[in-house]
């Protein structure tokens, strides 16, 4: 348990290798991330749409979600500098281009998340200076592994709802930018575990304690290659 809570990086890629690994998995990543918006295309349908062709029966809104996610993943795999708040804004501008009130702009008003059973979570108002400081301090923390930094930023941003829309998509891509830069693999929770994941996310929103969901994601949602397994993580 102590090893898990330290979030030892499970994989050891070079940043260039990690970028290639991400690119080779674009279809699977987009296919998974699109479920945040209720897109239910199959993996082959997702690939067809990403190849620039239409698929009968798939709504235009779903097609645009897939195309924008592809563009978002392309963006995070070509950026050479470490993640910044400006990059997070650009990620949101890309992935939420069709559905956010103001794509790429931090939320400047009240927001909320439906937790089900008529329960509603209202996040705090966004302070840009605070978000800037949080990101910089997290990325600069020498006591945190790359995986820990990525999970921390991802769940912080999800709960804060820092953008008008597309927060989960933006948070996942931002976290994966951190993973890629540190050569730690990718964060991609398999769809067959989303039922549990969504329950943990709702619980985290209620409690503001991210350790349980970070630990679960570490066990279930970190992906890489067997040849790049970090022996220290075993």
Protein backbone atom coordinates (compact mmCIF):
# COMPACT_ATOMS: atom_id res chain seq x y z
CA UNK A 1 0.00 0.00 0.00
CA UNK A 2 2.85 2.38 0.82
CA UNK A 3 4.27 1.85 -2.68
CA UNK A 4 0.88 2.62 -4.24
CA UNK A 5 0.39 5.78 -2.24
CA UNK A 6 3.82 7.00 -3.33
CA UNK A 7 2.54 6.66 -6.91
CA UNK A 8 5.84 5.31 -8.21
CA UNK A 9 5.88 5.80 -11.99
CA UNK A 10 4.83 2.47 -13.47
CA UNK A 11 6.57 3.06 -16.79
CA UNK A 12 9.80 4.63 -17.95
CA UNK A 13 9.66 6.08 -21.47
CA UNK A 14 11.65 8.91 -22.94
CA UNK A 15 9.32 11.81 -23.78
CA UNK A 16 9.76 11.03 -27.49
CA UNK A 17 8.84 7.38 -26.91
CA UNK A 18 5.84 8.38 -24.83
CA UNK A 19 4.63 10.70 -27.59
CA UNK A 20 4.90 7.86 -30.12
CA UNK A 21 3.03 5.56 -27.72
CA UNK A 22 0.25 8.12 -27.39
CA UNK A 23 0.03 8.64 -31.15
CA UNK A 24 -0.17 4.90 -31.77
CA UNK A 25 -3.17 4.81 -29.39
CA UNK A 26 -5.04 7.92 -30.59
CA UNK A 27 -8.09 5.94 -31.67
CA UNK A 28 -8.45 4.13 -28.36
CA UNK A 29 -7.83 7.33 -26.39
CA UNK A 30 -10.39 9.34 -28.37
CA UNK A 31 -12.86 6.44 -28.25
CA UNK A 32 -12.60 6.40 -24.45
CA UNK A 33 -12.55 10.16 -23.85
CA UNK A 34 -15.58 10.71 -26.09
CA UNK A 35 -17.73 8.85 -23.54
CA UNK A 36 -17.54 11.92 -21.30
CA UNK A 37 -19.95 13.47 -23.81
CA UNK A 38 -22.10 10.38 -24.15
CA UNK A 39 -20.67 9.40 -27.54
CA UNK A 40 -21.32 5.69 -28.08
CA UNK A 41 -19.53 4.99 -31.36
CA UNK A 42 -17.68 1.71 -31.75
CA UNK A 43 -13.88 1.65 -32.03
CA UNK A 44 -14.04 1.08 -35.84
CA UNK A 45 -16.58 3.90 -36.22
CA UNK A 46 -14.32 6.20 -34.18
CA UNK A 47 -11.39 5.34 -36.44
CA UNK A 48 -13.44 6.00 -39.56
CA UNK A 49 -14.48 9.42 -38.28
CA UNK A 50 -10.90 10.23 -37.30
CA UNK A 51 -9.87 9.31 -40.85
CA UNK A 52 -12.17 12.06 -42.11
CA UNK A 53 -15.11 9.97 -43.29
CA UNK A 54 -18.73 10.07 -42.17
CA UNK A 55 -20.51 7.19 -40.49
CA UNK A 56 -24.20 6.57 -41.07
CA UNK A 57 -26.35 7.09 -38.00
CA UNK A 58 -23.76 9.02 -35.98
CA UNK A 59 -25.00 12.54 -35.04
CA UNK A 60 -22.98 15.53 -36.23
CA UNK A 61 -22.41 16.57 -32.60
CA UNK A 62 -20.77 13.21 -31.85
CA UNK A 63 -18.61 13.44 -34.97
CA UNK A 64 -17.42 16.90 -33.93
CA UNK A 65 -16.63 15.65 -30.40
CA UNK A 66 -14.43 12.91 -31.88
CA UNK A 67 -12.71 15.22 -34.36
CA UNK A 68 -11.99 17.82 -31.67
CA UNK A 69 -10.62 15.19 -29.29
CA UNK A 70 -8.30 13.97 -32.04
CA UNK A 71 -7.10 17.56 -32.50
CA UNK A 72 -6.64 17.89 -28.75
CA UNK A 73 -4.47 14.78 -28.58
CA UNK A 74 -2.46 15.98 -31.55
CA UNK A 75 -1.92 19.28 -29.75
CA UNK A 76 -0.61 17.75 -26.50
CA UNK A 77 1.80 15.48 -28.37
CA UNK A 78 3.52 18.28 -30.30
CA UNK A 79 4.01 20.78 -27.46
CA UNK A 80 7.65 20.88 -26.38
CA UNK A 81 7.30 23.06 -23.27
CA UNK A 82 5.89 21.84 -19.92
CA UNK A 83 2.17 22.22 -19.26
CA UNK A 84 1.00 25.75 -18.49
CA UNK A 85 -2.39 27.26 -17.75
CA UNK A 86 -2.25 28.83 -21.21
CA UNK A 87 -1.89 25.33 -22.70
CA UNK A 88 -4.83 24.09 -20.64
CA UNK A 89 -6.89 26.95 -22.08
CA UNK A 90 -5.85 25.97 -25.58
CA UNK A 91 -6.73 22.31 -24.94
CA UNK A 92 -10.18 23.40 -23.77
CA UNK A 93 -10.56 25.71 -26.76
CA UNK A 94 -9.95 22.71 -29.02
CA UNK A 95 -11.92 19.94 -27.32
CA UNK A 96 -14.88 22.07 -26.20
CA UNK A 97 -15.08 24.20 -29.34
CA UNK A 98 -18.66 23.16 -30.06
CA UNK A 99 -20.19 23.04 -26.59
CA UNK A 100 -18.54 25.51 -24.17
CA UNK A 101 -20.08 28.92 -23.49
CA UNK A 102 -16.67 30.49 -24.13
CA UNK A 103 -14.17 27.81 -25.28
CA UNK A 104 -10.70 28.30 -23.87
CA UNK A 105 -11.73 30.81 -21.21
CA UNK A 106 -11.78 30.14 -17.47
CA UNK A 107 -15.22 29.99 -15.92
CA UNK A 108 -16.24 33.43 -14.64
CA UNK A 109 -19.54 32.57 -13.05
CA UNK A 110 -21.34 29.87 -11.13
CA UNK A 111 -21.21 26.33 -12.40
CA UNK A 112 -22.42 22.98 -11.23
CA UNK A 113 -22.30 19.22 -11.67
CA UNK A 114 -25.24 16.84 -11.42
CA UNK A 115 -24.23 13.96 -9.12
CA UNK A 116 -27.51 12.11 -9.58
CA UNK A 117 -30.44 11.54 -7.22
CA UNK A 118 -31.18 15.27 -7.33
CA UNK A 119 -27.77 15.99 -5.77
CA UNK A 120 -25.89 18.96 -7.21
CA UNK A 121 -22.27 19.97 -6.64
CA UNK A 122 -21.41 23.64 -7.02
CA UNK A 123 -17.66 24.31 -7.40
CA UNK A 124 -16.03 27.50 -6.10
CA UNK A 125 -15.57 30.55 -8.28
CA UNK A 126 -12.35 30.45 -10.27
CA UNK A 127 -9.35 32.58 -9.31
CA UNK A 128 -6.91 32.53 -12.24
CA UNK A 129 -3.91 33.48 -10.09
CA UNK A 130 -4.71 30.63 -7.69
CA UNK A 131 -5.01 28.12 -10.55
CA UNK A 132 -1.73 29.34 -12.01
CA UNK A 133 0.01 28.97 -8.67
CA UNK A 134 -1.48 25.53 -8.02
CA UNK A 135 -0.25 24.18 -11.36
CA UNK A 136 3.22 25.68 -11.04
CA UNK A 137 3.73 24.43 -7.48
CA UNK A 138 2.49 20.95 -8.32
CA UNK A 139 4.74 20.58 -11.36
CA UNK A 140 7.75 21.95 -9.46
CA UNK A 141 7.30 19.69 -6.40
CA UNK A 142 10.43 17.47 -6.24
CA UNK A 143 8.77 15.04 -3.84
CA UNK A 144 6.02 14.08 -6.29
CA UNK A 145 6.42 11.57 -9.11
CA UNK A 146 5.22 12.39 -12.60
CA UNK A 147 2.20 10.12 -12.13
CA UNK A 148 1.28 11.77 -8.84
CA UNK A 149 1.54 15.24 -10.39
CA UNK A 150 -0.63 14.21 -13.34
CA UNK A 151 -3.33 12.61 -11.18
CA UNK A 152 -3.34 15.57 -8.79
CA UNK A 153 -3.75 18.14 -11.57
CA UNK A 154 -6.38 16.03 -13.34
CA UNK A 155 -8.65 15.62 -10.35
CA UNK A 156 -8.12 19.14 -9.05
CA UNK A 157 -9.19 20.57 -12.41
CA UNK A 158 -12.19 18.25 -12.68
CA UNK A 159 -13.57 19.28 -9.31
CA UNK A 160 -12.79 22.97 -9.74
CA UNK A 161 -14.63 22.98 -13.07
CA UNK A 162 -12.21 25.64 -14.21
CA UNK A 163 -13.77 25.93 -17.67
CA UNK A 164 -17.35 26.49 -18.79
CA UNK A 165 -17.56 23.02 -20.33
CA UNK A 166 -15.34 20.12 -21.37
CA UNK A 167 -13.64 19.98 -17.97
CA UNK A 168 -13.15 16.21 -17.84
CA UNK A 169 -11.83 16.03 -21.40
CA UNK A 170 -9.51 18.97 -20.78
CA UNK A 171 -8.34 17.59 -17.43
CA UNK A 172 -7.52 14.17 -18.89
CA UNK A 173 -5.56 15.62 -21.81
CA UNK A 174 -3.72 18.08 -19.54
CA UNK A 175 -2.78 15.26 -17.17
CA UNK A 176 -1.55 13.17 -20.08
CA UNK A 177 0.65 16.06 -21.23
CA UNK A 178 2.35 15.79 -17.83
CA UNK A 179 2.61 11.98 -18.17
CA UNK A 180 4.13 12.26 -21.65
CA UNK A 181 6.67 14.90 -20.60
CA UNK A 182 7.77 12.69 -17.70
CA UNK A 183 7.77 9.46 -19.73
CA UNK A 184 5.34 7.81 -17.31
CA UNK A 185 2.87 6.27 -19.79
CA UNK A 186 -0.75 7.39 -20.16
CA UNK A 187 -3.84 7.80 -17.99
CA UNK A 188 -6.77 6.06 -19.68
CA UNK A 189 -9.38 4.32 -17.52
CA UNK A 190 -10.92 1.39 -19.47
CA UNK A 191 -14.61 1.79 -20.28
CA UNK A 192 -15.55 -1.39 -18.43
CA UNK A 193 -14.47 0.35 -15.20
CA UNK A 194 -16.23 3.64 -15.74
CA UNK A 195 -19.20 2.73 -13.55
CA UNK A 196 -16.91 2.50 -10.52
CA UNK A 197 -14.87 5.49 -11.69
CA UNK A 198 -17.92 7.74 -11.97
CA UNK A 199 -19.01 6.77 -8.45
CA UNK A 200 -15.55 7.63 -7.11
CA UNK A 201 -15.57 10.96 -8.97
CA UNK A 202 -18.94 11.85 -7.40
CA UNK A 203 -17.63 10.87 -3.97
CA UNK A 204 -14.55 13.01 -4.50
CA UNK A 205 -16.68 15.99 -5.49
CA UNK A 206 -18.61 15.62 -2.23
CA UNK A 207 -15.58 15.21 0.06
CA UNK A 208 -12.76 17.10 -1.71
CA UNK A 209 -10.43 14.22 -0.71
CA UNK A 210 -8.76 12.89 -3.84
CA UNK A 211 -6.57 10.16 -2.31
CA UNK A 212 -9.09 7.35 -2.80
CA UNK A 213 -9.75 8.12 -6.44
CA UNK A 214 -6.05 8.73 -7.13
CA UNK A 215 -5.17 5.35 -5.65
CA UNK A 216 -7.90 3.62 -7.65
CA UNK A 217 -6.85 5.31 -10.89
CA UNK A 218 -3.23 4.39 -10.22
CA UNK A 219 -4.25 0.74 -9.99
CA UNK A 220 -6.73 0.73 -12.89
CA UNK A 221 -5.99 3.53 -15.31
CA UNK A 222 -2.23 3.82 -15.96
CA UNK A 223 -1.22 2.33 -19.31
CA UNK A 224 2.11 1.69 -20.97
CA UNK A 225 4.24 -1.00 -22.63
CA UNK A 226 5.57 -4.13 -20.91
CA UNK A 227 9.09 -3.36 -22.20
CA UNK A 228 8.94 0.01 -20.45
CA UNK A 229 7.78 -1.23 -17.02
CA UNK A 230 9.62 0.47 -14.17
CA UNK A 231 11.00 -2.32 -11.99
CA UNK A 232 10.77 -0.03 -8.94
CA UNK A 233 6.99 -0.01 -9.25
CA UNK A 234 6.69 -3.74 -8.67
